[in-house]
Structure formats: structure tokens, C-alpha cells
C-alpha atoms as a PDB file:
ATOM      1  CA  MET A   1       0.000   0.000   0.000  1.00  0.00           C
ATOM      2  CA  LYS A   2       1.291   3.426  -0.962  1.00  0.00           C
ATOM      3  CA  ALA A   3       0.096   6.753   0.394  1.00  0.00           C
ATOM      4  CA  ASP A   4      -1.393   7.656  -2.996  1.00  0.00           C
ATOM      5  CA  GLU A   5      -3.623   4.586  -2.824  1.00  0.00           C
ATOM      6  CA  LEU A   6      -5.295   6.176   0.203  1.00  0.00           C
ATOM      7  CA  ARG A   7      -6.348   9.252  -1.787  1.00  0.00           C
ATOM      8  CA  PRO A   8     -10.096   8.455  -1.318  1.00  0.00           C
ATOM      9  CA  PHE A   9      -9.486   8.919   2.427  1.00  0.00           C
ATOM     10  CA  TYR A  10      -7.831  12.355   2.191  1.00  0.00           C
ATOM     11  CA  ASN A  11      -9.364  15.084   4.353  1.00  0.00           C
ATOM     12  CA  GLN A  12     -10.913  12.639   6.791  1.00  0.00           C
ATOM     13  CA  VAL A  13     -10.233  10.323   9.677  1.00  0.00           C
ATOM     14  CA  PHE A  14     -10.105   6.657   8.711  1.00  0.00           C
ATOM     15  CA  THR A  15      -9.785   3.350  10.544  1.00  0.00           C
ATOM     16  CA  VAL A  16      -8.306  -0.078   9.968  1.00  0.00           C
ATOM     17  CA  LYS A  17     -11.835  -1.445   9.629  1.00  0.00           C
ATOM     18  CA  GLU A  18     -12.653   0.993   6.811  1.00  0.00           C
ATOM     19  CA  LEU A  19      -9.444   0.150   4.947  1.00  0.00           C
ATOM     20  CA  LYS A  20     -10.069  -3.573   5.390  1.00  0.00           C
ATOM     21  CA  ASN A  21     -13.451  -3.195   3.700  1.00  0.00           C
ATOM     22  CA  TYR A  22     -11.981  -1.002   0.954  1.00  0.00           C
ATOM     23  CA  PHE A  23      -8.884  -3.059   0.104  1.00  0.00           C
ATOM     24  CA  LYS A  24     -10.345  -6.476   1.025  1.00  0.00           C
ATOM     25  CA  GLU A  25      -7.261  -7.368   3.052  1.00  0.00           C
ATOM     26  CA  GLN A  26      -6.738  -8.836   6.524  1.00  0.00           C
ATOM     27  CA  ASP A  27      -6.443  -6.607   9.609  1.00  0.00           C
ATOM     28  CA  SER A  28      -2.846  -7.676  10.226  1.00  0.00           C
ATOM     29  CA  SER A  29      -1.777  -6.737   6.706  1.00  0.00           C
ATOM     30  CA  ILE A  30      -3.518  -3.358   6.892  1.00  0.00           C
ATOM     31  CA  ARG A  31      -1.923  -2.588  10.273  1.00  0.00           C
ATOM     32  CA  THR A  32       1.553  -3.491   9.025  1.00  0.00           C
ATOM     33  CA  GLN A  33       1.239  -1.208   6.008  1.00  0.00           C
ATOM     34  CA  LEU A  34      -0.210   1.660   8.050  1.00  0.00           C
ATOM     35  CA  SER A  35       2.601   1.315  10.587  1.00  0.00           C
ATOM     36  CA  ARG A  36       5.145   1.605   7.788  1.00  0.00           C
ATOM     37  CA  LEU A  37       3.479   4.737   6.387  1.00  0.00           C
ATOM     38  CA  TYR A  38       3.225   6.221   9.896  1.00  0.00           C
ATOM     39  CA  LYS A  39       6.928   5.656  10.592  1.00  0.00           C
ATOM     40  CA  ALA A  40       7.739   7.237   7.235  1.00  0.00           C
ATOM     41  CA  GLY A  41       5.800  10.366   8.223  1.00  0.00           C
ATOM     42  CA  LYS A  42       3.124   9.803   5.611  1.00  0.00           C
ATOM     43  CA  LEU A  43       0.328   9.345   8.191  1.00  0.00           C
ATOM     44  CA  ILE A  44      -0.616  10.626  11.642  1.00  0.00           C
ATOM     45  CA  ARG A  45      -1.836   8.091  14.184  1.00  0.00           C
ATOM     46  CA  LEU A  46      -4.688   9.627  16.171  1.00  0.00           C
ATOM     47  CA  LYS A  47      -5.275   6.587  18.379  1.00  0.00           C
ATOM     48  CA  ARG A  48      -5.114   2.822  17.938  1.00  0.00           C
ATOM     49  CA  ASP A  49      -6.300   1.846  14.437  1.00  0.00           C
ATOM     50  CA  CYS A  50      -7.277   5.438  13.636  1.00  0.00           C
ATOM     51  CA  TYR A  51      -5.318   7.682  11.239  1.00  0.00           C
ATOM     52  CA  THR A  52      -5.334  10.819   9.133  1.00  0.00           C
ATOM     53  CA  PHE A  53      -2.881  12.630   6.838  1.00  0.00           C
ATOM     54  CA  PRO A  54      -0.332  15.302   7.821  1.00  0.00           C
ATOM     55  CA  ASP A  55      -1.229  17.557   4.876  1.00  0.00           C
ATOM     56  CA  PHE A  56      -4.739  16.414   3.969  1.00  0.00           C
ATOM     57  CA  HIS A  57      -6.812  16.272   7.119  1.00  0.00           C
ATOM     58  CA  PRO A  58     -10.029  17.787   8.493  1.00  0.00           C
ATOM     59  CA  ASN A  59      -9.931  20.463  11.187  1.00  0.00           C
ATOM     60  CA  THR A  60      -9.599  19.551  14.858  1.00  0.00           C
ATOM     61  CA  PHE A  61     -13.347  19.833  15.492  1.00  0.00           C
ATOM     62  CA  VAL A  62     -14.063  17.169  12.899  1.00  0.00           C
ATOM     63  CA  ILE A  63     -11.081  15.063  13.997  1.00  0.00           C
ATOM     64  CA  GLY A  64     -12.277  15.034  17.599  1.00  0.00           C
ATOM     65  CA  GLN A  65     -15.782  14.032  16.604  1.00  0.00           C
ATOM     66  CA  GLU A  66     -14.685  11.283  14.235  1.00  0.00           C
ATOM     67  CA  MET A  67     -12.143   9.762  16.624  1.00  0.00           C
ATOM     68  CA  VAL A  68     -14.977   8.749  18.941  1.00  0.00           C
ATOM     69  CA  SER A  69     -18.478   8.489  17.522  1.00  0.00           C
ATOM     70  CA  PRO A  70     -21.123   9.447  18.414  1.00  0.00           C
ATOM     71  CA  SER A  71     -19.868  12.592  20.098  1.00  0.00           C
ATOM     72  CA  TYR A  72     -20.310  16.362  20.125  1.00  0.00           C
ATOM     73  CA  HIS A  73     -18.200  19.276  21.363  1.00  0.00           C
ATOM     74  CA  SER A  74     -19.260  20.687  24.717  1.00  0.00           C
ATOM     75  CA  LEU A  75     -18.042  21.504  28.246  1.00  0.00           C
ATOM     76  CA  GLU A  76     -14.938  23.659  28.757  1.00  0.00           C
ATOM     77  CA  SER A  77     -13.891  24.134  25.142  1.00  0.00           C
ATOM     78  CA  VAL A  78     -17.335  25.424  24.109  1.00  0.00           C
ATOM     79  CA  LEU A  79     -17.691  27.537  27.271  1.00  0.00           C
ATOM     80  CA  ALA A  80     -14.279  29.121  26.631  1.00  0.00           C
ATOM     81  CA  MET A  81     -15.175  29.673  22.978  1.00  0.00           C
ATOM     82  CA  ASN A  82     -18.194  31.680  24.173  1.00  0.00           C
ATOM     83  CA  SER A  83     -16.170  33.485  26.912  1.00  0.00           C
ATOM     84  CA  ILE A  84     -18.369  32.014  29.663  1.00  0.00           C
ATOM     85  CA  ILE A  85     -15.341  30.689  31.536  1.00  0.00           C
ATOM     86  CA  PRO A  86     -12.246  32.899  31.709  1.00  0.00           C
ATOM     87  CA  GLU A  87      -9.557  30.226  31.582  1.00  0.00           C
ATOM     88  CA  GLY A  88      -7.843  29.220  28.389  1.00  0.00           C
ATOM     89  CA  VAL A  89      -8.614  25.614  27.524  1.00  0.00           C
ATOM     90  CA  THR A  90      -5.889  23.399  26.136  1.00  0.00           C
ATOM     91  CA  ALA A  91      -7.971  20.238  25.587  1.00  0.00           C
ATOM     92  CA  HIS A  92     -10.782  19.609  23.137  1.00  0.00           C
ATOM     93  CA  THR A  93     -13.698  18.519  25.330  1.00  0.00           C
ATOM     94  CA  LEU A  94     -16.507  16.387  23.971  1.00  0.00           C
ATOM     95  CA  ILE A  95     -19.534  14.400  25.112  1.00  0.00           C
ATOM     96  CA  THR A  96     -19.953  10.804  23.983  1.00  0.00           C
ATOM     97  CA  SER A  97     -22.427   8.020  24.664  1.00  0.00           C
ATOM     98  CA  LYS A  98     -19.423   5.693  24.929  1.00  0.00           C
ATOM     99  CA  LYS A  99     -17.092   5.397  27.920  1.00  0.00           C
ATOM    100  CA  THR A 100     -15.166   8.363  29.313  1.00  0.00           C
ATOM    101  CA  GLN A 101     -11.755   8.422  27.622  1.00  0.00           C
ATOM    102  CA  GLU A 102      -8.900  10.676  26.551  1.00  0.00           C
ATOM    103  CA  TYR A 103      -6.400  10.698  23.679  1.00  0.00           C
ATOM    104  CA  VAL A 104      -3.312  12.772  22.977  1.00  0.00           C
ATOM    105  CA  ASN A 105      -1.912  13.104  19.468  1.00  0.00           C
ATOM    106  CA  GLU A 106      -0.286  15.681  17.210  1.00  0.00           C
ATOM    107  CA  PHE A 107      -3.493  17.725  17.080  1.00  0.00           C
ATOM    108  CA  GLY A 108      -3.801  18.047  20.856  1.00  0.00           C
ATOM    109  CA  THR A 109      -5.617  16.445  23.755  1.00  0.00           C
ATOM    110  CA  PHE A 110      -9.138  15.125  23.175  1.00  0.00           C
ATOM    111  CA  SER A 111     -11.142  14.463  26.338  1.00  0.00           C
ATOM    112  CA  TYR A 112     -14.481  12.646  26.161  1.00  0.00           C
ATOM    113  CA  ARG A 113     -17.042  12.493  28.987  1.00  0.00           C
ATOM    114  CA  HIS A 114     -19.930  10.039  29.003  1.00  0.00           C
ATOM    115  CA  LEU A 115     -23.601  11.014  28.886  1.00  0.00           C
ATOM    116  CA  ASP A 116     -26.582   8.832  28.052  1.00  0.00           C
ATOM    117  CA  PRO A 117     -27.869   9.106  24.460  1.00  0.00           C
ATOM    118  CA  GLU A 118     -31.121  10.622  25.782  1.00  0.00           C
ATOM    119  CA  LEU A 119     -29.112  13.749  26.616  1.00  0.00           C
ATOM    120  CA  PHE A 120     -27.855  14.255  23.074  1.00  0.00           C
ATOM    121  CA  PHE A 121     -29.776  17.436  22.270  1.00  0.00           C
ATOM    122  CA  GLY A 122     -29.089  21.161  22.118  1.00  0.00           C
ATOM    123  CA  VAL A 123     -26.343  20.875  19.503  1.00  0.00           C
ATOM    124  CA  GLU A 124     -25.838  22.543  16.152  1.00  0.00           C
ATOM    125  CA  LYS A 125     -24.072  21.261  13.053  1.00  0.00           C
ATOM    126  CA  ARG A 126     -21.376  23.551  11.695  1.00  0.00           C
ATOM    127  CA  GLU A 127     -20.571  23.961   8.010  1.00  0.00           C
ATOM    128  CA  ASP A 128     -17.571  21.657   8.423  1.00  0.00           C
ATOM    129  CA  GLY A 129     -19.844  18.877   9.733  1.00  0.00           C
ATOM    130  CA  ALA A 130     -18.866  19.088  13.400  1.00  0.00           C
ATOM    131  CA  TRP A 131     -21.613  19.011  16.034  1.00  0.00           C
ATOM    132  CA  VAL A 132     -21.184  21.675  18.739  1.00  0.00           C
ATOM    133  CA  ALA A 133     -23.361  22.278  21.794  1.00  0.00           C
ATOM    134  CA  VAL A 134     -25.089  25.633  22.077  1.00  0.00           C
ATOM    135  CA  PRO A 135     -23.830  27.616  25.100  1.00  0.00           C
ATOM    136  CA  GLU A 136     -26.817  26.640  27.265  1.00  0.00           C
ATOM    137  CA  LYS A 137     -26.261  22.935  26.638  1.00  0.00           C
ATOM    138  CA  ALA A 138     -22.492  23.161  27.144  1.00  0.00           C
ATOM    139  CA  LEU A 139     -23.050  24.817  30.521  1.00  0.00           C
ATOM    140  CA  LEU A 140     -25.685  22.278  31.563  1.00  0.00           C
ATOM    141  CA  ASP A 141     -23.323  19.432  30.660  1.00  0.00           C
ATOM    142  CA  TYR A 142     -20.574  21.155  32.644  1.00  0.00           C
ATOM    143  CA  LEU A 143     -22.698  21.722  35.756  1.00  0.00           C
ATOM    144  CA  TYR A 144     -24.128  18.205  35.625  1.00  0.00           C
ATOM    145  CA  LEU A 145     -20.838  16.354  35.204  1.00  0.00           C
ATOM    146  CA  ASN A 146     -19.098  18.497  37.840  1.00  0.00           C
ATOM    147  CA  SER A 147     -22.066  18.971  40.175  1.00  0.00           C
ATOM    148  CA  GLU A 148     -20.101  17.950  43.274  1.00  0.00           C
ATOM    149  CA  LYS A 149     -18.029  21.152  43.139  1.00  0.00           C
ATOM    150  CA  PHE A 150     -20.944  23.589  42.720  1.00  0.00           C
ATOM    151  CA  LYS A 151     -23.325  25.130  45.245  1.00  0.00           C
ATOM    152  CA  ALA A 152     -26.495  27.076  44.543  1.00  0.00           C
ATOM    153  CA  ASP A 153     -25.235  30.343  46.021  1.00  0.00           C
ATOM    154  CA  PHE A 154     -23.672  33.544  44.750  1.00  0.00           C
ATOM    155  CA  GLY A 155     -20.348  32.856  46.457  1.00  0.00           C
ATOM    156  CA  CYS A 156     -19.869  29.797  44.289  1.00  0.00           C
ATOM    157  CA  TRP A 157     -20.584  31.687  41.075  1.00  0.00           C
ATOM    158  CA  GLN A 158     -18.273  34.527  42.075  1.00  0.00           C
ATOM    159  CA  ALA A 159     -15.480  32.020  42.699  1.00  0.00           C
ATOM    160  CA  GLU A 160     -16.091  30.398  39.316  1.00  0.00           C
ATOM    161  CA  ARG A 161     -15.924  33.808  37.596  1.00  0.00           C
ATOM    162  CA  PHE A 162     -18.569  32.907  35.021  1.00  0.00           C
ATOM    163  CA  ASP A 163     -18.981  35.648  32.435  1.00  0.00           C
ATOM    164  CA  GLU A 164     -21.166  36.550  29.425  1.00  0.00           C
ATOM    165  CA  LEU A 165     -24.203  35.179  31.256  1.00  0.00           C
ATOM    166  CA  ASP A 166     -26.409  37.609  29.362  1.00  0.00           C
ATOM    167  CA  ILE A 167     -26.082  35.464  26.225  1.00  0.00           C
ATOM    168  CA  LEU A 168     -27.801  32.536  27.941  1.00  0.00           C
ATOM    169  CA  ASN A 169     -31.482  31.707  27.571  1.00  0.00           C
ATOM    170  CA  PHE A 170     -32.277  30.658  31.135  1.00  0.00           C
ATOM    171  CA  GLU A 171     -35.820  29.611  30.291  1.00  0.00           C
ATOM    172  CA  LYS A 172     -34.359  27.103  27.847  1.00  0.00           C
ATOM    173  CA  MET A 173     -31.802  25.997  30.429  1.00  0.00           C
ATOM    174  CA  LYS A 174     -34.501  25.423  33.075  1.00  0.00           C
ATOM    175  CA  GLU A 175     -36.544  23.392  30.608  1.00  0.00           C
ATOM    176  CA  TRP A 176     -33.558  21.308  29.510  1.00  0.00           C
ATOM    177  CA  SER A 177     -32.191  20.764  33.015  1.00  0.00           C
ATOM    178  CA  LYS A 178     -35.225  18.642  33.901  1.00  0.00           C
ATOM    179  CA  LYS A 179     -34.158  16.101  31.262  1.00  0.00           C
ATOM    180  CA  TYR A 180     -31.054  15.275  33.327  1.00  0.00           C
ATOM    181  CA  GLY A 181     -33.135  14.016  36.251  1.00  0.00           C
ATOM    182  CA  MET A 182     -31.022  15.793  38.896  1.00  0.00           C
ATOM    183  CA  GLN A 183     -32.781  18.170  41.270  1.00  0.00           C
ATOM    184  CA  LYS A 184     -29.490  19.799  42.228  1.00  0.00           C
ATOM    185  CA  LEU A 185     -28.963  20.800  38.604  1.00  0.00           C
ATOM    186  CA  ASP A 186     -32.366  22.513  38.600  1.00  0.00           C
ATOM    187  CA  ARG A 187     -31.368  24.460  41.715  1.00  0.00           C
ATOM    188  CA  LEU A 188     -27.992  25.403  40.253  1.00  0.00           C
ATOM    189  CA  VAL A 189     -29.593  26.820  37.108  1.00  0.00           C
ATOM    190  CA  GLU A 190     -32.156  28.812  39.123  1.00  0.00           C
ATOM    191  CA  SER A 191     -29.394  30.187  41.354  1.00  0.00           C
ATOM    192  CA  LEU A 192     -27.192  31.094  38.400  1.00  0.00           C
ATOM    193  CA  GLU A 193     -30.082  32.946  36.765  1.00  0.00           C
ATOM    194  CA  LEU A 194     -30.591  35.018  39.919  1.00  0.00           C
ATOM    195  CA  TYR A 195     -26.863  35.680  40.103  1.00  0.00           C
ATOM    196  CA  SER A 196     -26.803  36.870  36.466  1.00  0.00           C
ATOM    197  CA  CYS A 197     -29.294  39.630  37.419  1.00  0.00           C
ATOM    198  CA  SER A 198     -27.629  40.570  40.692  1.00  0.00           C
ATOM    199  CA  GLU A 199     -25.426  43.490  41.703  1.00  0.00           C
ATOM    200  CA  ASP A 200     -22.761  40.946  42.657  1.00  0.00           C
ATOM    201  CA  TYR A 201     -22.484  39.817  39.050  1.00  0.00           C
ATOM    202  CA  GLN A 202     -22.634  43.350  37.651  1.00  0.00           C
ATOM    203  CA  ALA A 203     -19.850  44.402  40.044  1.00  0.00           C
ATOM    204  CA  HIS A 204     -17.384  41.945  38.547  1.00  0.00           C
ATOM    205  CA  LEU A 205     -17.933  43.111  34.952  1.00  0.00           C
END
């Protein structure tokens, strides 16, 4: 197998299984040839049995989504993208219905947190094909998966330094929070809404 023979797989993430079906060869043969191309710098290994090209690859949003499927971008990376959390985020954070897992490759760190498929809503498809949570959903995912560190009081929100709360639709968040089946999440959303209208929040702007 030569790199040119993989031209149909340019600009995407591909797996050993896909190449096996395409070339009609055994897994062991495919892996040996991919390993040779990887060592020669012709391919990038994203994780076990998962590759892309150094010069012909999708963007990191698509890469992250295709490495583990189904998944969508959420949590810290989406919150930082919308300036809701002040910290810079080095990892690409995603939600998946599969197990919680993390991978590090040449494109960065990709961290996946598990949620049940019933909670796969509130996402939008970008032009590049990547699915990204709207800010309200990203924040709900974040509060839910880290609920042990949050309290429904202003002191907690001040310590977290949440910002740009005016872009959030709290009515939507209160409706969606009930789908998670966690009463604490409902209380956190109600408290955060009150905080967003308070003098305490305005004072930090």
C-alpha cells in the first residue's frame, strides 16, 4: 500500500476497519502497512487503528468528533469559545455516549465524557460537519458532570468567575435541566439565573 492509494481517504479520519473493507485485506496486513506509512511520516496516528494525513486532514473539530463516535463538542472548550469561563482551555472537550476516555496526538488532547444518548440534544451542526453544543447545553453538561463542586449560592458563582451570562437563555436551560433528572442541577440553574441579574455579578464586569 502506498500513500497515494489512500487518496479516497484524504481530508478525513479513517480506521483499519474501513481500509479492510476497501482493500479487502486482513487486519494484520492493513496494520503493518499503516505502521510503515506512519513511521515514514506519511500518516498521523490519532489513536489505535485510527489515522489521518499530515497535509490532507479535516480540522480539529471534525477530527475530535470522528475519533470517537457518536460525540459532540461541549463543556470547557465550548464555554471558553463563548467566553463564559475565563480560563484558556488546552484540551478539546466532547460528550460521547461511549465510555469516558482521553487521547493525545499531534493535534492536541481530546477528552471525552460520558452522557446517556437521551441527553444528546441542544447541539448545532457547523458547516464543516462538526456538532457543537449551544452555550446553554455546554453549561448544563458542565454543571451536571461536575455537580459535586458547585453550590447554589452567589459565592460559588463569584469564585467560578462565570462571564457573558447575558447570552444565555435561562428559560431554555430550566426546561432542559429537567431532562437530566437531577434536582441539584435545577437548583444550580435557578441560582445562576438570579446571580446573572444581581449586583454581585454586575460588580465583577
